[in-house]
């Protein structure tokens, strides 16, 4: 796992559950978008913070809010644990860790969850922010976004999910 994957992992865990849905008004031969039902039509907003970045993820479907919150909290805990594991492995081989250590705090917001990702080391703040912007690009190009809502042009260096 590369440094650029810590927050991408967070989003991937949230959107990669084995659920699929198809738009009701599409033909039988239309492609099915792979997306967990609880993530369907969700929105993500991103902001830089003093120590990293903050995401707010909301859904317009009230029945999906509890599952969305639970999945995102579990993903946050996974990312924190994995970063610590990789840091310990890096120390064992006298190497620098591939994922910076982060502290992720969550807070319920109306219709979703806010997650603040803070770098534990001052020097990792720019890495966390860069990864957060990558997550935003992945989000905008994920199967959970309707094709019409996806950006027409990706930022330089971005890769479609």
N, C-alpha and C. Protein backbone atom coordinates (compact mmCIF):
# COMPACT_ATOMS: atom_id res chain seq x y z
N UNK A 1 0.86 -1.18 0.00
CA UNK A 1 0.00 0.00 0.00
C UNK A 1 0.90 1.23 0.00
N UNK A 2 0.67 2.16 -0.89
CA UNK A 2 1.50 3.35 -0.97
C UNK A 2 0.99 4.43 -0.04
N UNK A 3 1.80 5.45 0.13
CA UNK A 3 1.41 6.56 0.98
C UNK A 3 0.10 7.17 0.52
N UNK A 4 -0.10 7.21 -0.78
CA UNK A 4 -1.30 7.85 -1.31
C UNK A 4 -2.57 7.07 -1.05
N UNK A 5 -2.48 5.94 -0.41
CA UNK A 5 -3.66 5.09 -0.27
C UNK A 5 -4.35 5.14 1.08
N UNK A 6 -3.85 5.85 2.07
CA UNK A 6 -4.48 5.79 3.38
C UNK A 6 -5.93 6.26 3.34
N UNK A 7 -6.18 7.40 2.78
CA UNK A 7 -7.55 7.89 2.75
C UNK A 7 -8.34 7.27 1.61
N UNK A 8 -7.66 6.89 0.54
CA UNK A 8 -8.34 6.17 -0.52
C UNK A 8 -8.89 4.85 0.03
N UNK A 9 -8.14 4.23 0.95
CA UNK A 9 -8.61 3.01 1.58
C UNK A 9 -9.89 3.28 2.35
N UNK A 10 -9.93 4.39 3.06
CA UNK A 10 -11.11 4.75 3.82
C UNK A 10 -12.34 4.83 2.93
N UNK A 11 -12.22 5.51 1.82
CA UNK A 11 -13.34 5.62 0.90
C UNK A 11 -13.66 4.29 0.24
N UNK A 12 -12.63 3.58 -0.16
CA UNK A 12 -12.85 2.30 -0.83
C UNK A 12 -13.63 1.34 0.06
N UNK A 13 -13.28 1.30 1.34
CA UNK A 13 -14.00 0.41 2.26
C UNK A 13 -15.47 0.81 2.31
N UNK A 14 -15.71 2.09 2.33
CA UNK A 14 -17.08 2.57 2.44
C UNK A 14 -17.90 2.29 1.19
N UNK A 15 -17.25 2.34 0.01
CA UNK A 15 -18.04 2.19 -1.22
C UNK A 15 -17.91 0.82 -1.88
N UNK A 16 -17.07 -0.04 -1.34
CA UNK A 16 -16.82 -1.30 -2.03
C UNK A 16 -17.62 -2.48 -1.49
N UNK A 17 -18.61 -2.23 -0.65
CA UNK A 17 -19.44 -3.33 -0.16
C UNK A 17 -20.13 -4.02 -1.33
N UNK A 18 -20.41 -5.29 -1.22
CA UNK A 18 -20.92 -6.04 -2.36
C UNK A 18 -22.42 -5.86 -2.60
N UNK A 19 -22.81 -4.63 -2.83
CA UNK A 19 -24.20 -4.34 -3.15
C UNK A 19 -24.23 -3.70 -4.53
N UNK A 20 -25.32 -3.85 -5.23
CA UNK A 20 -25.45 -3.20 -6.52
C UNK A 20 -26.86 -2.67 -6.64
N UNK A 21 -27.01 -1.65 -7.42
CA UNK A 21 -28.34 -1.17 -7.72
C UNK A 21 -28.33 -0.66 -9.14
N UNK A 22 -29.48 -0.66 -9.73
CA UNK A 22 -29.63 -0.11 -11.07
C UNK A 22 -30.70 0.97 -10.99
N UNK A 23 -30.54 2.00 -11.78
CA UNK A 23 -31.57 3.03 -11.82
C UNK A 23 -32.88 2.42 -12.29
N UNK A 24 -33.97 2.85 -11.70
CA UNK A 24 -35.28 2.28 -12.00
C UNK A 24 -35.69 2.54 -13.44
N UNK A 25 -35.35 3.69 -13.96
CA UNK A 25 -35.79 4.08 -15.30
C UNK A 25 -34.78 3.75 -16.40
N UNK A 26 -34.02 2.67 -16.25
CA UNK A 26 -33.06 2.31 -17.29
C UNK A 26 -33.50 1.03 -17.97
N UNK A 27 -32.95 0.82 -19.15
CA UNK A 27 -33.27 -0.40 -19.89
C UNK A 27 -32.52 -1.57 -19.30
N UNK A 28 -32.98 -2.79 -19.62
CA UNK A 28 -32.36 -3.99 -19.07
C UNK A 28 -30.89 -4.13 -19.43
N UNK A 29 -30.47 -3.62 -20.58
CA UNK A 29 -29.08 -3.78 -20.99
C UNK A 29 -28.18 -2.64 -20.49
N UNK A 30 -28.73 -1.72 -19.72
CA UNK A 30 -27.93 -0.62 -19.18
C UNK A 30 -26.97 -1.16 -18.12
N UNK A 31 -25.80 -0.58 -18.00
CA UNK A 31 -24.86 -1.07 -16.99
C UNK A 31 -25.37 -0.82 -15.58
N UNK A 32 -25.06 -1.76 -14.70
CA UNK A 32 -25.43 -1.63 -13.29
C UNK A 32 -24.24 -1.00 -12.58
N UNK A 33 -24.50 0.01 -11.78
CA UNK A 33 -23.44 0.64 -11.01
C UNK A 33 -23.26 -0.12 -9.71
N UNK A 34 -22.08 -0.60 -9.46
CA UNK A 34 -21.79 -1.29 -8.21
C UNK A 34 -21.63 -0.24 -7.12
N UNK A 35 -22.52 -0.29 -6.15
CA UNK A 35 -22.49 0.71 -5.09
C UNK A 35 -23.35 0.20 -3.94
N UNK A 36 -22.83 0.29 -2.71
CA UNK A 36 -23.68 -0.10 -1.59
C UNK A 36 -24.90 0.80 -1.52
N UNK A 37 -26.03 0.23 -1.19
CA UNK A 37 -27.27 1.01 -1.14
C UNK A 37 -27.15 2.20 -0.21
N UNK A 38 -26.43 2.04 0.91
CA UNK A 38 -26.33 3.14 1.88
C UNK A 38 -25.49 4.30 1.38
N UNK A 39 -24.70 4.08 0.31
CA UNK A 39 -23.88 5.16 -0.24
C UNK A 39 -24.54 5.84 -1.44
N UNK A 40 -25.61 5.26 -1.93
CA UNK A 40 -26.27 5.80 -3.13
C UNK A 40 -26.67 7.26 -2.92
N UNK A 41 -26.29 8.08 -3.86
CA UNK A 41 -26.63 9.51 -3.88
C UNK A 41 -26.02 10.30 -2.73
N UNK A 42 -25.05 9.73 -2.01
CA UNK A 42 -24.40 10.45 -0.93
C UNK A 42 -23.51 11.55 -1.51
N UNK A 43 -23.24 12.53 -0.67
CA UNK A 43 -22.35 13.61 -1.09
C UNK A 43 -21.18 13.71 -0.12
N UNK A 44 -20.07 14.17 -0.64
CA UNK A 44 -18.87 14.34 0.15
C UNK A 44 -18.42 15.78 0.01
N UNK A 45 -18.12 16.41 1.13
CA UNK A 45 -17.49 17.73 1.10
C UNK A 45 -16.17 17.61 1.84
N UNK A 46 -15.20 18.36 1.37
CA UNK A 46 -13.85 18.28 1.90
C UNK A 46 -13.37 19.67 2.28
N UNK A 47 -12.66 19.75 3.39
CA UNK A 47 -12.05 21.02 3.81
C UNK A 47 -10.72 20.72 4.49
N UNK A 48 -9.75 21.59 4.28
CA UNK A 48 -8.49 21.49 5.00
C UNK A 48 -8.72 21.94 6.44
N UNK A 49 -8.00 21.31 7.36
CA UNK A 49 -8.03 21.72 8.76
C UNK A 49 -6.60 22.04 9.18
N UNK A 50 -6.42 22.52 10.38
CA UNK A 50 -5.09 22.87 10.86
C UNK A 50 -4.14 21.68 10.83
N UNK A 51 -4.65 20.48 11.12
CA UNK A 51 -3.79 19.31 11.19
C UNK A 51 -3.97 18.30 10.08
N UNK A 52 -4.81 18.60 9.11
CA UNK A 52 -5.05 17.65 8.03
C UNK A 52 -6.24 18.03 7.21
N UNK A 53 -7.27 17.18 7.21
CA UNK A 53 -8.46 17.41 6.40
C UNK A 53 -9.71 16.92 7.13
N UNK A 54 -10.85 17.40 6.66
CA UNK A 54 -12.13 16.96 7.22
C UNK A 54 -13.08 16.65 6.08
N UNK A 55 -13.75 15.52 6.21
CA UNK A 55 -14.77 15.11 5.27
C UNK A 55 -16.12 15.17 5.95
N UNK A 56 -17.13 15.54 5.22
CA UNK A 56 -18.49 15.37 5.68
C UNK A 56 -19.20 14.58 4.58
N UNK A 57 -19.77 13.46 4.97
CA UNK A 57 -20.46 12.59 4.03
C UNK A 57 -21.90 12.48 4.49
N UNK A 58 -22.81 12.83 3.59
CA UNK A 58 -24.24 12.81 3.93
C UNK A 58 -25.02 12.07 2.85
N UNK A 59 -26.19 11.61 3.25
CA UNK A 59 -27.08 10.92 2.33
C UNK A 59 -28.46 11.55 2.39
N UNK A 60 -29.15 11.60 1.24
CA UNK A 60 -30.51 12.13 1.26
C UNK A 60 -31.53 11.09 1.72
N UNK A 61 -31.08 9.87 1.97
CA UNK A 61 -31.98 8.78 2.34
C UNK A 61 -31.87 8.51 3.85
N UNK A 62 -32.83 8.99 4.61
CA UNK A 62 -32.79 8.88 6.07
C UNK A 62 -32.58 7.45 6.56
N UNK A 63 -33.14 6.47 5.86
CA UNK A 63 -33.02 5.09 6.30
C UNK A 63 -31.58 4.57 6.19
N UNK A 64 -30.73 5.24 5.41
CA UNK A 64 -29.34 4.80 5.23
C UNK A 64 -28.36 5.46 6.19
N UNK A 65 -28.79 6.47 6.92
CA UNK A 65 -27.87 7.22 7.79
C UNK A 65 -27.18 6.32 8.81
N UNK A 66 -27.88 5.45 9.55
CA UNK A 66 -27.18 4.63 10.56
C UNK A 66 -26.12 3.72 9.95
N UNK A 67 -26.40 3.11 8.82
CA UNK A 67 -25.44 2.20 8.19
C UNK A 67 -24.26 2.98 7.63
N UNK A 68 -24.53 4.12 7.03
CA UNK A 68 -23.46 4.98 6.51
C UNK A 68 -22.51 5.37 7.64
N UNK A 69 -23.05 5.80 8.75
CA UNK A 69 -22.22 6.20 9.90
C UNK A 69 -21.39 5.03 10.41
N UNK A 70 -22.02 3.87 10.56
CA UNK A 70 -21.31 2.70 11.06
C UNK A 70 -20.19 2.29 10.11
N UNK A 71 -20.47 2.23 8.82
CA UNK A 71 -19.45 1.83 7.84
C UNK A 71 -18.27 2.79 7.83
N UNK A 72 -18.55 4.07 7.90
CA UNK A 72 -17.47 5.05 7.88
C UNK A 72 -16.65 5.01 9.17
N UNK A 73 -17.30 4.80 10.30
CA UNK A 73 -16.55 4.67 11.57
C UNK A 73 -15.65 3.42 11.55
N UNK A 74 -16.18 2.33 11.02
CA UNK A 74 -15.37 1.11 10.92
C UNK A 74 -14.20 1.32 9.97
N UNK A 75 -14.43 2.01 8.87
CA UNK A 75 -13.35 2.29 7.92
C UNK A 75 -12.29 3.17 8.58
N UNK A 76 -12.70 4.16 9.34
CA UNK A 76 -11.75 5.05 10.02
C UNK A 76 -10.89 4.25 11.00
N UNK A 77 -11.51 3.37 11.77
CA UNK A 77 -10.77 2.54 12.72
C UNK A 77 -9.78 1.63 12.00
N UNK A 78 -10.20 1.09 10.86
CA UNK A 78 -9.31 0.23 10.07
C UNK A 78 -8.09 1.02 9.60
N UNK A 79 -8.30 2.21 9.08
CA UNK A 79 -7.18 3.02 8.58
C UNK A 79 -6.20 3.34 9.70
N UNK A 80 -6.72 3.73 10.86
CA UNK A 80 -5.83 4.02 11.99
C UNK A 80 -5.01 2.79 12.38
N UNK A 81 -5.67 1.63 12.49
CA UNK A 81 -4.97 0.39 12.86
C UNK A 81 -3.92 0.02 11.82
N UNK A 82 -4.29 0.10 10.55
CA UNK A 82 -3.37 -0.29 9.48
C UNK A 82 -2.15 0.62 9.43
N UNK A 83 -2.34 1.91 9.64
CA UNK A 83 -1.21 2.84 9.67
C UNK A 83 -0.26 2.49 10.81
N UNK A 84 -0.80 2.13 11.97
CA UNK A 84 0.04 1.74 13.11
C UNK A 84 0.80 0.45 12.81
N UNK A 85 0.12 -0.53 12.20
CA UNK A 85 0.78 -1.78 11.84
C UNK A 85 1.94 -1.53 10.88
N UNK A 86 1.69 -0.71 9.86
CA UNK A 86 2.74 -0.42 8.88
C UNK A 86 3.89 0.36 9.50
N UNK A 87 3.59 1.23 10.45
CA UNK A 87 4.65 1.97 11.13
C UNK A 87 5.53 1.02 11.93
N UNK A 88 4.93 0.04 12.61
CA UNK A 88 5.71 -0.93 13.38
C UNK A 88 6.55 -1.80 12.45
N UNK A 89 5.98 -2.20 11.31
CA UNK A 89 6.73 -2.99 10.34
C UNK A 89 7.91 -2.20 9.79
N UNK A 90 7.71 -0.91 9.54
CA UNK A 90 8.77 -0.06 9.00
C UNK A 90 9.92 0.07 10.00
N UNK A 91 9.59 0.19 11.30
CA UNK A 91 10.63 0.27 12.34
C UNK A 91 11.43 -1.02 12.36
N UNK A 92 10.76 -2.16 12.19
CA UNK A 92 11.42 -3.46 12.24
C UNK A 92 12.44 -3.62 11.11
N UNK A 93 12.20 -2.98 9.97
CA UNK A 93 13.13 -3.10 8.84
C UNK A 93 13.90 -1.80 8.60
N UNK A 94 13.83 -0.89 9.58
CA UNK A 94 14.55 0.39 9.50
C UNK A 94 14.20 1.15 8.22
N UNK A 95 12.92 1.32 8.01
CA UNK A 95 12.40 2.00 6.83
C UNK A 95 11.35 3.01 7.29
N UNK A 96 10.99 3.93 6.42
CA UNK A 96 9.92 4.87 6.79
C UNK A 96 8.57 4.25 6.45
N UNK A 97 7.56 4.50 7.28
CA UNK A 97 6.25 3.89 7.02
C UNK A 97 5.64 4.41 5.73
N UNK A 98 4.85 3.56 5.08
CA UNK A 98 4.21 3.94 3.82
C UNK A 98 2.94 4.75 4.02
N UNK A 99 2.36 4.67 5.19
CA UNK A 99 1.15 5.43 5.50
C UNK A 99 1.45 6.26 6.75
N UNK A 100 1.22 7.56 6.71
CA UNK A 100 1.48 8.35 7.91
C UNK A 100 0.48 8.00 9.01
N UNK A 101 0.95 8.11 10.24
CA UNK A 101 0.05 7.88 11.37
C UNK A 101 -0.96 9.02 11.42
N UNK A 102 -2.21 8.66 11.59
CA UNK A 102 -3.29 9.66 11.64
C UNK A 102 -4.20 9.38 12.82
N UNK A 103 -4.89 10.40 13.25
CA UNK A 103 -5.95 10.28 14.25
C UNK A 103 -7.23 10.73 13.55
N UNK A 104 -8.20 9.85 13.52
CA UNK A 104 -9.46 10.17 12.84
C UNK A 104 -10.56 10.27 13.90
N UNK A 105 -11.18 11.42 13.96
CA UNK A 105 -12.31 11.61 14.85
C UNK A 105 -13.57 11.74 14.02
N UNK A 106 -14.65 11.25 14.56
CA UNK A 106 -15.92 11.29 13.84
C UNK A 106 -16.97 11.99 14.68
N UNK A 107 -17.91 12.58 13.99
CA UNK A 107 -19.02 13.25 14.67
C UNK A 107 -20.26 13.14 13.79
N UNK A 108 -21.36 12.76 14.42
CA UNK A 108 -22.62 12.71 13.68
C UNK A 108 -23.00 14.12 13.25
N UNK A 109 -23.47 14.22 12.02
CA UNK A 109 -24.06 15.46 11.52
C UNK A 109 -25.42 15.08 10.94
N UNK A 110 -26.22 16.07 10.69
CA UNK A 110 -27.53 15.78 10.12
C UNK A 110 -27.33 15.02 8.81
N UNK A 111 -27.94 13.87 8.72
CA UNK A 111 -27.94 13.02 7.53
C UNK A 111 -26.60 12.40 7.20
N UNK A 112 -25.67 12.32 8.18
CA UNK A 112 -24.40 11.68 7.86
C UNK A 112 -23.37 11.74 8.96
N UNK A 113 -22.11 11.88 8.52
CA UNK A 113 -20.98 11.82 9.44
C UNK A 113 -19.90 12.78 8.99
N UNK A 114 -19.26 13.42 9.95
CA UNK A 114 -18.10 14.25 9.68
C UNK A 114 -16.88 13.52 10.24
N UNK A 115 -15.82 13.45 9.44
CA UNK A 115 -14.58 12.80 9.87
C UNK A 115 -13.44 13.80 9.74
N UNK A 116 -12.70 13.96 10.81
CA UNK A 116 -11.52 14.82 10.78
C UNK A 116 -10.30 13.92 10.85
N UNK A 117 -9.43 14.05 9.85
CA UNK A 117 -8.22 13.24 9.77
C UNK A 117 -7.04 14.15 10.06
N UNK A 118 -6.37 13.89 11.17
CA UNK A 118 -5.23 14.71 11.58
C UNK A 118 -3.96 13.87 11.52
N UNK A 119 -2.92 14.44 10.94
CA UNK A 119 -1.61 13.79 10.94
C UNK A 119 -1.05 13.84 12.35
N UNK A 120 -0.46 12.75 12.79
CA UNK A 120 0.14 12.73 14.12
C UNK A 120 1.48 13.47 14.14
N UNK A 121 2.12 13.57 12.96
CA UNK A 121 3.38 14.31 12.86
C UNK A 121 3.14 15.54 11.99
N UNK A 122 3.69 16.64 12.40
CA UNK A 122 3.54 17.89 11.69
C UNK A 122 3.96 17.77 10.22
N UNK A 123 5.01 17.04 9.96
CA UNK A 123 5.51 16.88 8.59
C UNK A 123 4.60 16.09 7.67
N UNK A 124 3.60 15.40 8.21
CA UNK A 124 2.69 14.59 7.40
C UNK A 124 1.40 15.31 7.02
N UNK A 125 1.22 16.54 7.47
CA UNK A 125 -0.04 17.25 7.18
C UNK A 125 -0.27 17.39 5.68
N UNK A 126 0.76 17.76 4.94
CA UNK A 126 0.58 17.93 3.49
C UNK A 126 0.25 16.61 2.82
N UNK A 127 0.79 15.52 3.32
CA UNK A 127 0.48 14.20 2.76
C UNK A 127 -0.98 13.86 3.00
N UNK A 128 -1.46 14.11 4.22
CA UNK A 128 -2.86 13.83 4.55
C UNK A 128 -3.78 14.67 3.66
N UNK A 129 -3.45 15.94 3.47
CA UNK A 129 -4.28 16.80 2.62
C UNK A 129 -4.27 16.33 1.17
N UNK A 130 -3.11 15.93 0.68
CA UNK A 130 -3.01 15.44 -0.70
C UNK A 130 -3.85 14.17 -0.87
N UNK A 131 -3.77 13.28 0.12
CA UNK A 131 -4.56 12.06 0.06
C UNK A 131 -6.05 12.36 0.13
N UNK A 132 -6.42 13.36 0.91
CA UNK A 132 -7.83 13.74 1.00
C UNK A 132 -8.35 14.21 -0.35
N UNK A 133 -7.54 14.98 -1.06
CA UNK A 133 -7.96 15.43 -2.39
C UNK A 133 -8.07 14.25 -3.35
N UNK A 134 -7.22 13.24 -3.18
CA UNK A 134 -7.32 12.04 -4.01
C UNK A 134 -8.61 11.29 -3.71
N UNK A 135 -8.98 11.24 -2.44
CA UNK A 135 -10.24 10.60 -2.07
C UNK A 135 -11.40 11.33 -2.72
N UNK A 136 -11.34 12.64 -2.72
CA UNK A 136 -12.41 13.42 -3.35
C UNK A 136 -12.52 13.08 -4.84
N UNK A 137 -11.40 12.93 -5.52
CA UNK A 137 -11.41 12.55 -6.94
C UNK A 137 -11.98 11.14 -7.10
N UNK A 138 -11.55 10.21 -6.24
CA UNK A 138 -12.09 8.85 -6.30
C UNK A 138 -13.60 8.86 -6.08
N UNK A 139 -14.02 9.67 -5.13
CA UNK A 139 -15.45 9.76 -4.81
C UNK A 139 -16.23 10.25 -6.03
N UNK A 140 -15.75 11.31 -6.62
CA UNK A 140 -16.45 11.91 -7.76
C UNK A 140 -16.51 10.97 -8.96
N UNK A 141 -15.61 10.02 -9.01
CA UNK A 141 -15.56 9.08 -10.13
C UNK A 141 -15.94 7.67 -9.72
N UNK A 142 -16.54 7.52 -8.56
CA UNK A 142 -16.92 6.20 -8.07
C UNK A 142 -18.22 5.73 -8.72
N UNK A 143 -18.49 4.45 -8.63
CA UNK A 143 -19.75 3.92 -9.15
C UNK A 143 -20.98 4.47 -8.42
N UNK A 144 -20.77 5.09 -7.28
CA UNK A 144 -21.90 5.65 -6.53
C UNK A 144 -22.40 6.96 -7.13
N UNK A 145 -21.58 7.56 -7.95
CA UNK A 145 -21.98 8.80 -8.61
C UNK A 145 -22.66 8.45 -9.92
N UNK A 146 -23.74 9.10 -10.22
CA UNK A 146 -24.38 8.91 -11.51
C UNK A 146 -23.45 9.47 -12.58
N UNK A 147 -23.34 8.81 -13.74
CA UNK A 147 -22.43 9.30 -14.78
C UNK A 147 -22.64 10.77 -15.11
N UNK A 148 -23.87 11.24 -15.09
CA UNK A 148 -24.13 12.64 -15.42
C UNK A 148 -23.58 13.59 -14.36
N UNK A 149 -23.38 13.10 -13.12
CA UNK A 149 -22.87 13.93 -12.04
C UNK A 149 -21.35 13.91 -11.93
N UNK A 150 -20.70 13.02 -12.69
CA UNK A 150 -19.25 12.93 -12.64
C UNK A 150 -18.62 14.10 -13.37
N UNK A 151 -17.46 14.53 -12.91
CA UNK A 151 -16.80 15.64 -13.60
C UNK A 151 -16.40 15.21 -15.01
N UNK A 152 -16.47 16.13 -15.94
CA UNK A 152 -16.10 15.82 -17.32
C UNK A 152 -14.59 15.71 -17.46
N UNK A 153 -13.87 16.45 -16.65
CA UNK A 153 -12.42 16.48 -16.76
C UNK A 153 -11.83 16.32 -15.37
N UNK A 154 -10.88 15.39 -15.26
CA UNK A 154 -10.22 15.16 -13.99
C UNK A 154 -9.05 16.13 -13.84
N UNK A 155 -8.68 16.44 -12.59
CA UNK A 155 -7.50 17.29 -12.38
C UNK A 155 -6.25 16.62 -12.92
N UNK A 156 -5.20 17.38 -13.27
CA UNK A 156 -3.96 16.79 -13.77
C UNK A 156 -3.41 15.77 -12.80
N UNK A 157 -3.00 14.62 -13.32
CA UNK A 157 -2.41 13.58 -12.49
C UNK A 157 -3.42 12.68 -11.81
N UNK A 158 -4.71 12.98 -11.93
CA UNK A 158 -5.73 12.16 -11.28
C UNK A 158 -6.02 10.93 -12.11
N UNK A 159 -6.39 9.87 -11.43
CA UNK A 159 -6.72 8.62 -12.10
C UNK A 159 -8.17 8.30 -11.81
N UNK A 160 -8.91 7.90 -12.82
CA UNK A 160 -10.30 7.54 -12.63
C UNK A 160 -10.41 6.27 -11.82
N UNK A 161 -11.35 6.22 -10.90
CA UNK A 161 -11.53 5.04 -10.05
C UNK A 161 -12.21 3.94 -10.82
